Amino acid sequence: MAIVFPPTEAWRAISDVLADEQRTLVNNKISEIQKRKSQEREQVKSDEEKKAEEVKRKAWLDSTDPNGFYGNMGQPETAEEYKNRYGVYTPGYDGEQK
C-alpha cells in the first residue's frame, strides 16, 4: 500500500497513526523492494541493451559543459531580482525600470 503512487486515503490514514520509527521501517522496506526490482531489471537486460546504455551515458558525459546552462532554479527571474540579490543590474541591461 505504501509503494502505490499517489498514496491512497487508506495509507494516509495508517501513516498518520504510525510512530516515526515505524514509518522509517516502512520506508526502509520500500527502498529494499525498489532496489531489488532495479537489480532484477538490470539482470534481465541483454548485453546489447547494456552496451547501448553505456554508449548513451558516455555520450552525455562527453557533451556536458561545466559552464553550460542546465536550468535556472533558484536564480533571479527579473533584472530587479538580480539587482536585489547581487547589488548590480545584469550585464547588458540598459538602465533601471520605471
N, C-alpha and C. Protein backbone atom coordinates (compact mmCIF):
# COMPACT_ATOMS: atom_id res chain seq x y z
N MET A 1 0.82 -1.19 0.00
CA MET A 1 0.00 0.00 0.00
C MET A 1 0.87 1.26 0.00
N ALA A 2 2.03 1.19 0.67
CA ALA A 2 2.89 2.36 0.77
C ALA A 2 3.63 2.64 -0.52
N ILE A 3 3.76 1.63 -1.40
CA ILE A 3 4.50 1.80 -2.65
C ILE A 3 3.66 2.49 -3.72
N VAL A 4 2.36 2.40 -3.62
CA VAL A 4 1.45 2.95 -4.63
C VAL A 4 1.60 4.47 -4.70
N PHE A 5 1.67 4.98 -5.92
CA PHE A 5 1.72 6.44 -6.10
C PHE A 5 0.58 6.85 -7.00
N PRO A 6 -0.20 7.83 -6.68
CA PRO A 6 -0.21 8.57 -5.43
C PRO A 6 -0.74 7.72 -4.28
N PRO A 7 -0.36 8.07 -3.05
CA PRO A 7 -0.80 7.28 -1.90
C PRO A 7 -2.32 7.26 -1.77
N THR A 8 -2.84 6.13 -1.34
CA THR A 8 -4.28 6.02 -1.17
C THR A 8 -4.71 6.66 0.14
N GLU A 9 -5.98 6.93 0.27
CA GLU A 9 -6.51 7.51 1.51
C GLU A 9 -6.29 6.56 2.68
N ALA A 10 -6.41 5.25 2.42
CA ALA A 10 -6.20 4.27 3.48
C ALA A 10 -4.77 4.36 4.00
N TRP A 11 -3.79 4.47 3.08
CA TRP A 11 -2.39 4.57 3.51
C TRP A 11 -2.15 5.87 4.28
N ARG A 12 -2.76 6.94 3.85
CA ARG A 12 -2.60 8.22 4.57
C ARG A 12 -3.12 8.10 6.00
N ALA A 13 -4.25 7.43 6.16
CA ALA A 13 -4.82 7.25 7.49
C ALA A 13 -3.90 6.39 8.36
N ILE A 14 -3.37 5.33 7.76
CA ILE A 14 -2.45 4.46 8.50
C ILE A 14 -1.17 5.20 8.83
N SER A 15 -0.65 5.91 7.86
CA SER A 15 0.61 6.63 8.05
C SER A 15 0.52 7.67 9.16
N ASP A 16 -0.65 8.28 9.31
CA ASP A 16 -0.82 9.29 10.35
C ASP A 16 -0.70 8.70 11.75
N VAL A 17 -1.05 7.42 11.90
CA VAL A 17 -1.02 6.80 13.24
C VAL A 17 0.31 6.13 13.55
N LEU A 18 1.15 5.92 12.54
CA LEU A 18 2.42 5.26 12.77
C LEU A 18 3.39 6.17 13.51
N ALA A 19 4.20 5.57 14.35
CA ALA A 19 5.26 6.31 15.02
C ALA A 19 6.39 6.55 14.01
N ASP A 20 7.28 7.47 14.32
CA ASP A 20 8.38 7.78 13.41
C ASP A 20 9.23 6.56 13.12
N GLU A 21 9.50 5.75 14.15
CA GLU A 21 10.32 4.55 13.95
C GLU A 21 9.62 3.56 13.01
N GLN A 22 8.31 3.43 13.14
CA GLN A 22 7.56 2.52 12.28
C GLN A 22 7.55 3.03 10.84
N ARG A 23 7.39 4.33 10.69
CA ARG A 23 7.40 4.93 9.35
C ARG A 23 8.77 4.73 8.70
N THR A 24 9.82 4.84 9.51
CA THR A 24 11.17 4.61 9.00
C THR A 24 11.34 3.17 8.55
N LEU A 25 10.83 2.22 9.32
CA LEU A 25 10.90 0.81 8.93
C LEU A 25 10.18 0.56 7.61
N VAL A 26 9.01 1.17 7.46
CA VAL A 26 8.24 1.02 6.21
C VAL A 26 9.04 1.61 5.04
N ASN A 27 9.59 2.79 5.23
CA ASN A 27 10.37 3.42 4.15
C ASN A 27 11.61 2.60 3.80
N ASN A 28 12.26 2.02 4.80
CA ASN A 28 13.42 1.16 4.53
C ASN A 28 13.02 -0.07 3.73
N LYS A 29 11.88 -0.65 4.06
CA LYS A 29 11.39 -1.83 3.32
C LYS A 29 11.06 -1.45 1.87
N ILE A 30 10.46 -0.29 1.70
CA ILE A 30 10.16 0.20 0.35
C ILE A 30 11.45 0.35 -0.44
N SER A 31 12.48 0.92 0.17
CA SER A 31 13.77 1.08 -0.50
C SER A 31 14.36 -0.26 -0.91
N GLU A 32 14.27 -1.24 -0.02
CA GLU A 32 14.78 -2.57 -0.34
C GLU A 32 14.04 -3.17 -1.53
N ILE A 33 12.72 -3.04 -1.54
CA ILE A 33 11.91 -3.58 -2.64
C ILE A 33 12.27 -2.91 -3.95
N GLN A 34 12.39 -1.57 -3.94
CA GLN A 34 12.73 -0.84 -5.16
C GLN A 34 14.13 -1.18 -5.65
N LYS A 35 15.07 -1.36 -4.72
CA LYS A 35 16.44 -1.73 -5.09
C LYS A 35 16.46 -3.13 -5.72
N ARG A 36 15.71 -4.06 -5.14
CA ARG A 36 15.64 -5.41 -5.67
C ARG A 36 15.04 -5.41 -7.07
N LYS A 37 13.97 -4.64 -7.28
CA LYS A 37 13.34 -4.56 -8.61
C LYS A 37 14.32 -3.98 -9.62
N SER A 38 15.07 -2.97 -9.21
CA SER A 38 16.05 -2.35 -10.10
C SER A 38 17.14 -3.35 -10.48
N GLN A 39 17.60 -4.11 -9.51
CA GLN A 39 18.62 -5.13 -9.79
C GLN A 39 18.08 -6.20 -10.72
N GLU A 40 16.83 -6.60 -10.53
CA GLU A 40 16.22 -7.60 -11.40
C GLU A 40 16.11 -7.08 -12.83
N ARG A 41 15.74 -5.79 -12.98
CA ARG A 41 15.66 -5.20 -14.31
C ARG A 41 17.03 -5.19 -14.98
N GLU A 42 18.08 -4.89 -14.22
CA GLU A 42 19.43 -4.88 -14.77
C GLU A 42 19.86 -6.28 -15.19
N GLN A 43 19.49 -7.28 -14.42
CA GLN A 43 19.91 -8.65 -14.72
C GLN A 43 19.26 -9.19 -15.99
N VAL A 44 18.03 -8.79 -16.29
CA VAL A 44 17.36 -9.32 -17.47
C VAL A 44 17.70 -8.57 -18.76
N LYS A 45 18.47 -7.48 -18.64
CA LYS A 45 18.87 -6.75 -19.85
C LYS A 45 19.88 -7.57 -20.63
N SER A 46 19.76 -7.47 -21.93
CA SER A 46 20.72 -8.17 -22.79
C SER A 46 22.02 -7.37 -22.85
N ASP A 47 23.06 -8.00 -23.35
CA ASP A 47 24.35 -7.32 -23.48
C ASP A 47 24.25 -6.12 -24.42
N GLU A 48 23.44 -6.24 -25.47
CA GLU A 48 23.27 -5.13 -26.41
C GLU A 48 22.63 -3.93 -25.73
N GLU A 49 21.62 -4.19 -24.90
CA GLU A 49 20.96 -3.10 -24.19
C GLU A 49 21.92 -2.42 -23.21
N LYS A 50 22.73 -3.22 -22.52
CA LYS A 50 23.71 -2.66 -21.59
C LYS A 50 24.74 -1.81 -22.32
N LYS A 51 25.21 -2.31 -23.47
CA LYS A 51 26.19 -1.56 -24.27
C LYS A 51 25.57 -0.26 -24.79
N ALA A 52 24.32 -0.32 -25.25
CA ALA A 52 23.65 0.88 -25.76
C ALA A 52 23.50 1.93 -24.65
N GLU A 53 23.15 1.50 -23.46
CA GLU A 53 23.02 2.44 -22.34
C GLU A 53 24.37 3.05 -21.99
N GLU A 54 25.42 2.24 -22.02
CA GLU A 54 26.76 2.75 -21.72
C GLU A 54 27.20 3.77 -22.76
N VAL A 55 26.90 3.51 -24.03
CA VAL A 55 27.24 4.46 -25.09
C VAL A 55 26.49 5.77 -24.88
N LYS A 56 25.19 5.68 -24.55
CA LYS A 56 24.40 6.90 -24.30
C LYS A 56 24.95 7.68 -23.11
N ARG A 57 25.33 6.95 -22.05
CA ARG A 57 25.84 7.61 -20.85
C ARG A 57 27.16 8.32 -21.15
N LYS A 58 28.05 7.64 -21.88
CA LYS A 58 29.34 8.25 -22.23
C LYS A 58 29.14 9.46 -23.14
N ALA A 59 28.23 9.36 -24.08
CA ALA A 59 27.96 10.48 -24.98
C ALA A 59 27.44 11.68 -24.20
N TRP A 60 26.58 11.44 -23.24
CA TRP A 60 26.05 12.53 -22.43
C TRP A 60 27.16 13.15 -21.59
N LEU A 61 28.00 12.32 -20.97
CA LEU A 61 29.08 12.84 -20.14
C LEU A 61 30.07 13.65 -20.97
N ASP A 62 30.34 13.20 -22.19
CA ASP A 62 31.28 13.93 -23.05
C ASP A 62 30.69 15.24 -23.55
N SER A 63 29.37 15.31 -23.66
CA SER A 63 28.74 16.51 -24.21
C SER A 63 28.44 17.55 -23.15
N THR A 64 28.59 17.21 -21.87
CA THR A 64 28.26 18.18 -20.83
C THR A 64 29.32 19.25 -20.75
N ASP A 65 28.87 20.46 -20.58
CA ASP A 65 29.75 21.62 -20.45
C ASP A 65 29.65 22.11 -19.01
N PRO A 66 30.77 22.14 -18.27
CA PRO A 66 30.69 22.56 -16.87
C PRO A 66 30.16 23.97 -16.70
N ASN A 67 30.30 24.80 -17.74
CA ASN A 67 29.79 26.16 -17.68
C ASN A 67 28.47 26.31 -18.44
N GLY A 68 27.90 25.20 -18.85
CA GLY A 68 26.66 25.23 -19.62
C GLY A 68 25.44 25.54 -18.77
N PHE A 69 24.35 25.80 -19.42
CA PHE A 69 23.10 26.13 -18.75
C PHE A 69 22.27 24.88 -18.58
N TYR A 70 21.94 24.52 -17.35
CA TYR A 70 21.14 23.34 -17.05
C TYR A 70 19.90 23.70 -16.25
N GLY A 71 19.40 24.88 -16.43
CA GLY A 71 18.21 25.32 -15.72
C GLY A 71 18.54 26.47 -14.77
N ASN A 72 17.53 27.20 -14.37
CA ASN A 72 17.79 28.37 -13.54
C ASN A 72 17.01 28.32 -12.23
N MET A 73 16.82 27.14 -11.70
CA MET A 73 16.07 27.03 -10.46
C MET A 73 16.78 27.82 -9.36
N GLY A 74 16.04 28.69 -8.73
CA GLY A 74 16.59 29.49 -7.65
C GLY A 74 17.29 30.75 -8.10
N GLN A 75 17.36 30.98 -9.38
CA GLN A 75 18.02 32.18 -9.89
C GLN A 75 17.00 33.29 -10.11
N PRO A 76 17.45 34.53 -10.06
CA PRO A 76 16.52 35.65 -10.25
C PRO A 76 15.89 35.62 -11.64
N GLU A 77 14.61 35.97 -11.69
CA GLU A 77 13.88 35.95 -12.96
C GLU A 77 13.85 37.31 -13.64
N THR A 78 13.98 38.37 -12.88
CA THR A 78 13.91 39.71 -13.46
C THR A 78 15.18 40.47 -13.12
N ALA A 79 15.36 41.61 -13.82
CA ALA A 79 16.53 42.45 -13.56
C ALA A 79 16.50 43.00 -12.14
N GLU A 80 15.32 43.31 -11.64
CA GLU A 80 15.21 43.83 -10.27
C GLU A 80 15.59 42.77 -9.25
N GLU A 81 15.15 41.53 -9.45
CA GLU A 81 15.53 40.45 -8.54
C GLU A 81 17.03 40.22 -8.59
N TYR A 82 17.62 40.33 -9.79
CA TYR A 82 19.07 40.18 -9.94
C TYR A 82 19.80 41.26 -9.15
N LYS A 83 19.32 42.51 -9.28
CA LYS A 83 19.96 43.62 -8.56
C LYS A 83 19.81 43.44 -7.06
N ASN A 84 18.64 43.00 -6.61
CA ASN A 84 18.44 42.78 -5.18
C ASN A 84 19.38 41.70 -4.64
N ARG A 85 19.64 40.68 -5.45
CA ARG A 85 20.49 39.58 -4.99
C ARG A 85 21.98 39.93 -5.09
N TYR A 86 22.40 40.51 -6.22
CA TYR A 86 23.83 40.72 -6.47
C TYR A 86 24.28 42.17 -6.33
N GLY A 87 23.37 43.11 -6.17
CA GLY A 87 23.73 44.51 -5.97
C GLY A 87 23.96 45.30 -7.23
N VAL A 88 23.94 44.67 -8.39
CA VAL A 88 24.11 45.35 -9.68
C VAL A 88 23.10 44.79 -10.65
N TYR A 89 22.86 45.56 -11.71
CA TYR A 89 21.97 45.05 -12.74
C TYR A 89 22.70 44.03 -13.62
N THR A 90 21.95 43.24 -14.34
CA THR A 90 22.54 42.21 -15.20
C THR A 90 23.39 42.86 -16.29
N PRO A 91 24.42 42.17 -16.73
CA PRO A 91 25.24 42.71 -17.82
C PRO A 91 24.38 42.94 -19.06
N GLY A 92 24.55 44.08 -19.68
CA GLY A 92 23.79 44.40 -20.88
C GLY A 92 22.45 45.03 -20.61
N TYR A 93 22.08 45.23 -19.34
CA TYR A 93 20.79 45.85 -19.02
C TYR A 93 20.91 47.36 -19.20
N ASP A 94 19.96 47.99 -19.92
CA ASP A 94 20.06 49.40 -20.30
C ASP A 94 19.36 50.33 -19.33
N GLY A 95 19.62 50.25 -18.09
CA GLY A 95 19.04 51.20 -17.15
C GLY A 95 17.95 50.61 -16.28
N GLU A 96 17.49 51.43 -15.39
CA GLU A 96 16.50 50.99 -14.43
C GLU A 96 15.11 50.97 -15.04
N GLN A 97 14.27 50.07 -14.52
CA GLN A 97 12.88 50.02 -14.95
C GLN A 97 12.12 51.10 -14.22
N LYS A 98 11.09 51.62 -14.87
CA LYS A 98 10.29 52.67 -14.23
C LYS A 98 8.88 52.23 -14.07
